[in-house]
């Protein structure tokens, strides 16, 4: 099972430097949300738009938002859930890609997923969160499960399928979840892994 984390903190940082930076960036931006917005306004629409939330409202445009939104979160539970997913599930992909290609994959797939979310949104809509890029990680694993099965053990493949089924059902059933961002990230990750990934032996 490749999704069990046995590393010490020091080993984790050494083995997965890019994922460590991503985790720290999400925490840092969350702190900035709290500092700028205050206790009551940290996760309000105005504060999140100021810091880089994506939206289909024309007056809040700018390509930088499609990157910035990947590091913003709408509350404590939103942050902790995504940090857990990043901490546990992303490291094997950094090992498969190598750090630089993983960084390019994460940002590009996240941006593409956010673009899809804005384009497909109906009515005024705003979104933040690392989950777009997290679903791109899942999309890469889905490609591996389907076309490079020897890279994953059966338990890891079962975990990937379970996460995807549960996550997508959750995305549609729970209000205020950016399901188009999740689907867009998943599709982007699937395709980009095909373009950027290469087998490096068993993960």
C-alpha atoms as a PDB file:
ATOM      1  CA  UNK A   1       0.000   0.000   0.000  1.00  0.00           C
ATOM      2  CA  UNK A   2       1.750   3.147  -1.221  1.00  0.00           C
ATOM      3  CA  UNK A   3      -0.603   5.511   0.627  1.00  0.00           C
ATOM      4  CA  UNK A   4       0.636   4.638   4.110  1.00  0.00           C
ATOM      5  CA  UNK A   5       3.070   7.266   5.370  1.00  0.00           C
ATOM      6  CA  UNK A   6       5.900   5.798   7.428  1.00  0.00           C
ATOM      7  CA  UNK A   7       8.371   8.654   6.981  1.00  0.00           C
ATOM      8  CA  UNK A   8       9.574  10.838   9.816  1.00  0.00           C
ATOM      9  CA  UNK A   9       9.060  14.582   9.398  1.00  0.00           C
ATOM     10  CA  UNK A  10      12.637  15.058   8.242  1.00  0.00           C
ATOM     11  CA  UNK A  11      12.412  12.162   5.793  1.00  0.00           C
ATOM     12  CA  UNK A  12       9.135  13.490   4.409  1.00  0.00           C
ATOM     13  CA  UNK A  13      10.669  16.890   3.657  1.00  0.00           C
ATOM     14  CA  UNK A  14      13.736  15.306   2.036  1.00  0.00           C
ATOM     15  CA  UNK A  15      11.782  12.815  -0.095  1.00  0.00           C
ATOM     16  CA  UNK A  16       8.884  15.085  -1.085  1.00  0.00           C
ATOM     17  CA  UNK A  17      10.202  18.671  -1.127  1.00  0.00           C
ATOM     18  CA  UNK A  18       7.627  20.056  -3.580  1.00  0.00           C
ATOM     19  CA  UNK A  19       4.671  18.553  -1.740  1.00  0.00           C
ATOM     20  CA  UNK A  20       6.082  19.951   1.503  1.00  0.00           C
ATOM     21  CA  UNK A  21       6.214  23.427  -0.057  1.00  0.00           C
ATOM     22  CA  UNK A  22       2.621  23.051  -1.273  1.00  0.00           C
ATOM     23  CA  UNK A  23       1.451  22.074   2.213  1.00  0.00           C
ATOM     24  CA  UNK A  24       3.278  25.011   3.797  1.00  0.00           C
ATOM     25  CA  UNK A  25       1.946  27.424   1.149  1.00  0.00           C
ATOM     26  CA  UNK A  26      -1.639  26.381   1.922  1.00  0.00           C
ATOM     27  CA  UNK A  27      -1.037  26.920   5.644  1.00  0.00           C
ATOM     28  CA  UNK A  28       0.645  30.281   5.037  1.00  0.00           C
ATOM     29  CA  UNK A  29      -2.189  31.541   2.833  1.00  0.00           C
ATOM     30  CA  UNK A  30      -4.713  30.402   5.427  1.00  0.00           C
ATOM     31  CA  UNK A  31      -2.875  32.486   8.009  1.00  0.00           C
ATOM     32  CA  UNK A  32      -2.997  35.477   5.655  1.00  0.00           C
ATOM     33  CA  UNK A  33      -6.751  34.972   5.234  1.00  0.00           C
ATOM     34  CA  UNK A  34      -7.122  35.166   9.021  1.00  0.00           C
ATOM     35  CA  UNK A  35      -4.836  38.196   9.348  1.00  0.00           C
ATOM     36  CA  UNK A  36      -6.392  40.246   6.545  1.00  0.00           C
ATOM     37  CA  UNK A  37     -10.000  39.241   7.051  1.00  0.00           C
ATOM     38  CA  UNK A  38     -10.052  39.012  10.817  1.00  0.00           C
ATOM     39  CA  UNK A  39     -11.863  36.356  12.809  1.00  0.00           C
ATOM     40  CA  UNK A  40     -15.291  37.116  11.374  1.00  0.00           C
ATOM     41  CA  UNK A  41     -14.381  37.963   7.781  1.00  0.00           C
ATOM     42  CA  UNK A  42     -11.508  35.609   6.989  1.00  0.00           C
ATOM     43  CA  UNK A  43     -13.620  33.268   4.880  1.00  0.00           C
ATOM     44  CA  UNK A  44     -16.083  35.801   3.534  1.00  0.00           C
ATOM     45  CA  UNK A  45     -16.559  36.354  -0.180  1.00  0.00           C
ATOM     46  CA  UNK A  46     -14.909  39.786  -0.180  1.00  0.00           C
ATOM     47  CA  UNK A  47     -11.759  38.612   1.564  1.00  0.00           C
ATOM     48  CA  UNK A  48     -11.353  35.505  -0.588  1.00  0.00           C
ATOM     49  CA  UNK A  49     -11.884  37.481  -3.794  1.00  0.00           C
ATOM     50  CA  UNK A  50      -9.299  40.002  -2.633  1.00  0.00           C
ATOM     51  CA  UNK A  51      -6.755  37.217  -2.107  1.00  0.00           C
ATOM     52  CA  UNK A  52      -7.371  35.401  -5.389  1.00  0.00           C
ATOM     53  CA  UNK A  53     -10.502  33.261  -5.427  1.00  0.00           C
ATOM     54  CA  UNK A  54     -11.635  32.200  -8.891  1.00  0.00           C
ATOM     55  CA  UNK A  55     -15.000  33.469 -10.065  1.00  0.00           C
ATOM     56  CA  UNK A  56     -17.045  33.968 -13.202  1.00  0.00           C
ATOM     57  CA  UNK A  57     -17.871  37.559 -12.184  1.00  0.00           C
ATOM     58  CA  UNK A  58     -16.112  39.625 -14.903  1.00  0.00           C
ATOM     59  CA  UNK A  59     -14.816  42.385 -12.620  1.00  0.00           C
ATOM     60  CA  UNK A  60     -12.677  39.823 -10.766  1.00  0.00           C
ATOM     61  CA  UNK A  61     -10.618  38.538 -13.663  1.00  0.00           C
ATOM     62  CA  UNK A  62      -6.933  37.737 -13.977  1.00  0.00           C
ATOM     63  CA  UNK A  63      -5.046  34.573 -14.760  1.00  0.00           C
ATOM     64  CA  UNK A  64      -3.185  34.778 -11.430  1.00  0.00           C
ATOM     65  CA  UNK A  65      -6.404  33.782  -9.704  1.00  0.00           C
ATOM     66  CA  UNK A  66      -6.336  30.308 -11.252  1.00  0.00           C
ATOM     67  CA  UNK A  67      -3.071  29.672  -9.391  1.00  0.00           C
ATOM     68  CA  UNK A  68      -3.790  31.614  -6.193  1.00  0.00           C
ATOM     69  CA  UNK A  69      -7.123  29.878  -5.605  1.00  0.00           C
ATOM     70  CA  UNK A  70      -5.296  26.530  -5.302  1.00  0.00           C
ATOM     71  CA  UNK A  71      -3.758  27.738  -2.028  1.00  0.00           C
ATOM     72  CA  UNK A  72      -6.819  29.396  -0.462  1.00  0.00           C
ATOM     73  CA  UNK A  73      -9.463  27.660   1.654  1.00  0.00           C
ATOM     74  CA  UNK A  74     -12.920  28.509   2.871  1.00  0.00           C
ATOM     75  CA  UNK A  75     -12.614  27.356   6.467  1.00  0.00           C
ATOM     76  CA  UNK A  76     -10.806  25.144   8.959  1.00  0.00           C
ATOM     77  CA  UNK A  77     -12.423  21.870   7.899  1.00  0.00           C
ATOM     78  CA  UNK A  78     -11.808  22.684   4.226  1.00  0.00           C
ATOM     79  CA  UNK A  79      -8.117  23.294   4.924  1.00  0.00           C
ATOM     80  CA  UNK A  80      -7.594  20.242   7.160  1.00  0.00           C
ATOM     81  CA  UNK A  81      -9.352  17.871   4.791  1.00  0.00           C
ATOM     82  CA  UNK A  82      -7.223  19.023   1.854  1.00  0.00           C
ATOM     83  CA  UNK A  83      -3.997  19.026   3.868  1.00  0.00           C
ATOM     84  CA  UNK A  84      -4.667  15.431   4.862  1.00  0.00           C
ATOM     85  CA  UNK A  85      -5.304  14.400   1.250  1.00  0.00           C
ATOM     86  CA  UNK A  86      -2.128  16.163   0.078  1.00  0.00           C
ATOM     87  CA  UNK A  87      -0.018  14.766   2.886  1.00  0.00           C
ATOM     88  CA  UNK A  88      -1.127  11.155   2.378  1.00  0.00           C
ATOM     89  CA  UNK A  89      -1.908  10.707  -1.305  1.00  0.00           C
ATOM     90  CA  UNK A  90       0.357  13.083  -3.232  1.00  0.00           C
ATOM     91  CA  UNK A  91       3.851  11.872  -2.161  1.00  0.00           C
ATOM     92  CA  UNK A  92       3.929   8.692  -4.308  1.00  0.00           C
ATOM     93  CA  UNK A  93       3.147  10.788  -7.379  1.00  0.00           C
ATOM     94  CA  UNK A  94       6.051  13.128  -6.634  1.00  0.00           C
ATOM     95  CA  UNK A  95       8.235  10.025  -6.427  1.00  0.00           C
ATOM     96  CA  UNK A  96       6.953   8.736  -9.788  1.00  0.00           C
ATOM     97  CA  UNK A  97       7.309  12.106 -11.542  1.00  0.00           C
ATOM     98  CA  UNK A  98      10.340  13.524  -9.824  1.00  0.00           C
ATOM     99  CA  UNK A  99      10.005  16.821  -7.987  1.00  0.00           C
ATOM    100  CA  UNK A 100      10.203  19.281 -10.902  1.00  0.00           C
ATOM    101  CA  UNK A 101       7.757  17.422 -13.123  1.00  0.00           C
ATOM    102  CA  UNK A 102       5.439  16.944 -10.171  1.00  0.00           C
ATOM    103  CA  UNK A 103       5.473  20.697  -9.507  1.00  0.00           C
ATOM    104  CA  UNK A 104       4.643  21.413 -13.170  1.00  0.00           C
ATOM    105  CA  UNK A 105       1.927  18.765 -13.161  1.00  0.00           C
ATOM    106  CA  UNK A 106       0.322  20.011  -9.947  1.00  0.00           C
ATOM    107  CA  UNK A 107       0.135  23.660 -11.012  1.00  0.00           C
ATOM    108  CA  UNK A 108      -0.861  23.065 -14.632  1.00  0.00           C
ATOM    109  CA  UNK A 109      -3.532  20.495 -13.827  1.00  0.00           C
ATOM    110  CA  UNK A 110      -4.879  22.686 -11.033  1.00  0.00           C
ATOM    111  CA  UNK A 111      -5.096  25.703 -13.338  1.00  0.00           C
ATOM    112  CA  UNK A 112      -6.839  23.671 -16.050  1.00  0.00           C
ATOM    113  CA  UNK A 113      -9.312  22.330 -13.518  1.00  0.00           C
ATOM    114  CA  UNK A 114     -10.061  25.826 -12.261  1.00  0.00           C
ATOM    115  CA  UNK A 115     -10.531  27.080 -15.816  1.00  0.00           C
ATOM    116  CA  UNK A 116     -13.049  24.285 -16.409  1.00  0.00           C
ATOM    117  CA  UNK A 117     -14.863  25.150 -13.179  1.00  0.00           C
ATOM    118  CA  UNK A 118     -15.255  28.831 -14.116  1.00  0.00           C
ATOM    119  CA  UNK A 119     -16.258  28.024 -17.684  1.00  0.00           C
ATOM    120  CA  UNK A 120     -18.897  25.462 -16.669  1.00  0.00           C
ATOM    121  CA  UNK A 121     -20.343  27.335 -13.672  1.00  0.00           C
ATOM    122  CA  UNK A 122     -23.935  28.468 -14.005  1.00  0.00           C
ATOM    123  CA  UNK A 123     -24.806  31.772 -12.400  1.00  0.00           C
ATOM    124  CA  UNK A 124     -22.454  33.847 -10.226  1.00  0.00           C
ATOM    125  CA  UNK A 125     -19.908  31.492  -8.698  1.00  0.00           C
ATOM    126  CA  UNK A 126     -16.722  31.632  -6.632  1.00  0.00           C
ATOM    127  CA  UNK A 127     -14.278  28.893  -5.692  1.00  0.00           C
ATOM    128  CA  UNK A 128     -11.138  28.244  -3.650  1.00  0.00           C
ATOM    129  CA  UNK A 129      -9.223  25.200  -2.519  1.00  0.00           C
ATOM    130  CA  UNK A 130      -6.461  22.739  -3.279  1.00  0.00           C
ATOM    131  CA  UNK A 131      -9.007  20.053  -4.125  1.00  0.00           C
ATOM    132  CA  UNK A 132      -8.874  20.903  -7.849  1.00  0.00           C
ATOM    133  CA  UNK A 133      -5.210  19.897  -7.923  1.00  0.00           C
ATOM    134  CA  UNK A 134      -5.820  17.027  -5.483  1.00  0.00           C
ATOM    135  CA  UNK A 135      -8.329  15.552  -7.928  1.00  0.00           C
ATOM    136  CA  UNK A 136      -5.719  15.914 -10.653  1.00  0.00           C
ATOM    137  CA  UNK A 137      -3.475  13.703  -8.499  1.00  0.00           C
ATOM    138  CA  UNK A 138      -6.334  11.204  -8.311  1.00  0.00           C
ATOM    139  CA  UNK A 139      -6.704  11.495 -12.091  1.00  0.00           C
ATOM    140  CA  UNK A 140      -3.052  10.518 -12.518  1.00  0.00           C
ATOM    141  CA  UNK A 141      -3.582   7.499 -10.274  1.00  0.00           C
ATOM    142  CA  UNK A 142      -6.668   6.550 -12.261  1.00  0.00           C
ATOM    143  CA  UNK A 143      -4.565   6.490 -15.428  1.00  0.00           C
ATOM    144  CA  UNK A 144      -2.001   4.323 -13.658  1.00  0.00           C
ATOM    145  CA  UNK A 145      -4.734   1.962 -12.408  1.00  0.00           C
ATOM    146  CA  UNK A 146      -6.112   1.531 -15.915  1.00  0.00           C
ATOM    147  CA  UNK A 147      -2.965   1.482 -18.068  1.00  0.00           C
ATOM    148  CA  UNK A 148       0.061   0.926 -15.784  1.00  0.00           C
ATOM    149  CA  UNK A 149      -1.353  -1.494 -13.256  1.00  0.00           C
ATOM    150  CA  UNK A 150       2.058  -2.915 -12.376  1.00  0.00           C
ATOM    151  CA  UNK A 151       3.019   0.407 -10.758  1.00  0.00           C
ATOM    152  CA  UNK A 152       0.375  -0.018  -8.031  1.00  0.00           C
ATOM    153  CA  UNK A 153      -0.421  -2.939  -5.752  1.00  0.00           C
ATOM    154  CA  UNK A 154      -4.013  -4.180  -5.608  1.00  0.00           C
ATOM    155  CA  UNK A 155      -4.691  -2.470  -2.270  1.00  0.00           C
ATOM    156  CA  UNK A 156      -3.591   0.895  -3.641  1.00  0.00           C
ATOM    157  CA  UNK A 157      -5.725   0.471  -6.770  1.00  0.00           C
ATOM    158  CA  UNK A 158      -8.750  -0.357  -4.612  1.00  0.00           C
ATOM    159  CA  UNK A 159      -8.052   2.749  -2.524  1.00  0.00           C
ATOM    160  CA  UNK A 160      -7.931   4.939  -5.647  1.00  0.00           C
ATOM    161  CA  UNK A 161     -11.268   3.606  -6.910  1.00  0.00           C
ATOM    162  CA  UNK A 162     -12.837   4.033  -3.478  1.00  0.00           C
ATOM    163  CA  UNK A 163     -11.614   7.613  -3.116  1.00  0.00           C
ATOM    164  CA  UNK A 164     -12.903   8.558  -6.556  1.00  0.00           C
ATOM    165  CA  UNK A 165     -16.340   7.000  -6.102  1.00  0.00           C
ATOM    166  CA  UNK A 166     -16.804   8.426  -2.605  1.00  0.00           C
ATOM    167  CA  UNK A 167     -15.344  11.809  -3.508  1.00  0.00           C
ATOM    168  CA  UNK A 168     -17.440  12.346  -6.619  1.00  0.00           C
ATOM    169  CA  UNK A 169     -20.658  11.294  -4.865  1.00  0.00           C
ATOM    170  CA  UNK A 170     -19.784  13.651  -2.004  1.00  0.00           C
ATOM    171  CA  UNK A 171     -19.057  16.463  -4.477  1.00  0.00           C
ATOM    172  CA  UNK A 172     -22.570  16.297  -5.925  1.00  0.00           C
ATOM    173  CA  UNK A 173     -24.524  15.656  -2.726  1.00  0.00           C
ATOM    174  CA  UNK A 174     -23.000  18.261  -0.409  1.00  0.00           C
ATOM    175  CA  UNK A 175     -23.959  21.917  -1.040  1.00  0.00           C
ATOM    176  CA  UNK A 176     -21.306  24.500  -1.951  1.00  0.00           C
ATOM    177  CA  UNK A 177     -18.828  21.917  -3.272  1.00  0.00           C
ATOM    178  CA  UNK A 178     -17.143  22.865  -6.568  1.00  0.00           C
ATOM    179  CA  UNK A 179     -17.902  19.629  -8.388  1.00  0.00           C
ATOM    180  CA  UNK A 180     -16.868  21.056 -11.766  1.00  0.00           C
ATOM    181  CA  UNK A 181     -13.486  21.923 -10.282  1.00  0.00           C
ATOM    182  CA  UNK A 182     -13.154  18.346  -9.039  1.00  0.00           C
ATOM    183  CA  UNK A 183     -14.190  16.851 -12.372  1.00  0.00           C
ATOM    184  CA  UNK A 184     -12.011  19.306 -14.300  1.00  0.00           C
ATOM    185  CA  UNK A 185      -9.022  18.535 -12.086  1.00  0.00           C
ATOM    186  CA  UNK A 186      -9.609  14.797 -12.441  1.00  0.00           C
ATOM    187  CA  UNK A 187      -9.743  15.016 -16.248  1.00  0.00           C
ATOM    188  CA  UNK A 188      -6.703  17.308 -16.405  1.00  0.00           C
ATOM    189  CA  UNK A 189      -4.675  14.994 -14.193  1.00  0.00           C
ATOM    190  CA  UNK A 190      -5.617  11.944 -16.242  1.00  0.00           C
ATOM    191  CA  UNK A 191      -4.538  13.572 -19.512  1.00  0.00           C
ATOM    192  CA  UNK A 192      -1.444  15.331 -18.176  1.00  0.00           C
ATOM    193  CA  UNK A 193      -0.126  12.165 -16.594  1.00  0.00           C
ATOM    194  CA  UNK A 194      -0.306  10.559 -20.026  1.00  0.00           C
ATOM    195  CA  UNK A 195       1.709  13.469 -21.450  1.00  0.00           C
ATOM    196  CA  UNK A 196       4.190  14.052 -18.612  1.00  0.00           C
ATOM    197  CA  UNK A 197       4.448  10.764 -16.784  1.00  0.00           C
ATOM    198  CA  UNK A 198       6.667   7.799 -17.447  1.00  0.00           C
ATOM    199  CA  UNK A 199       7.048   4.520 -15.606  1.00  0.00           C
ATOM    200  CA  UNK A 200       9.950   4.577 -13.170  1.00  0.00           C
ATOM    201  CA  UNK A 201       9.460   1.138 -11.722  1.00  0.00           C
ATOM    202  CA  UNK A 202       7.152   0.097  -8.913  1.00  0.00           C
ATOM    203  CA  UNK A 203       6.223   3.070  -6.721  1.00  0.00           C
END
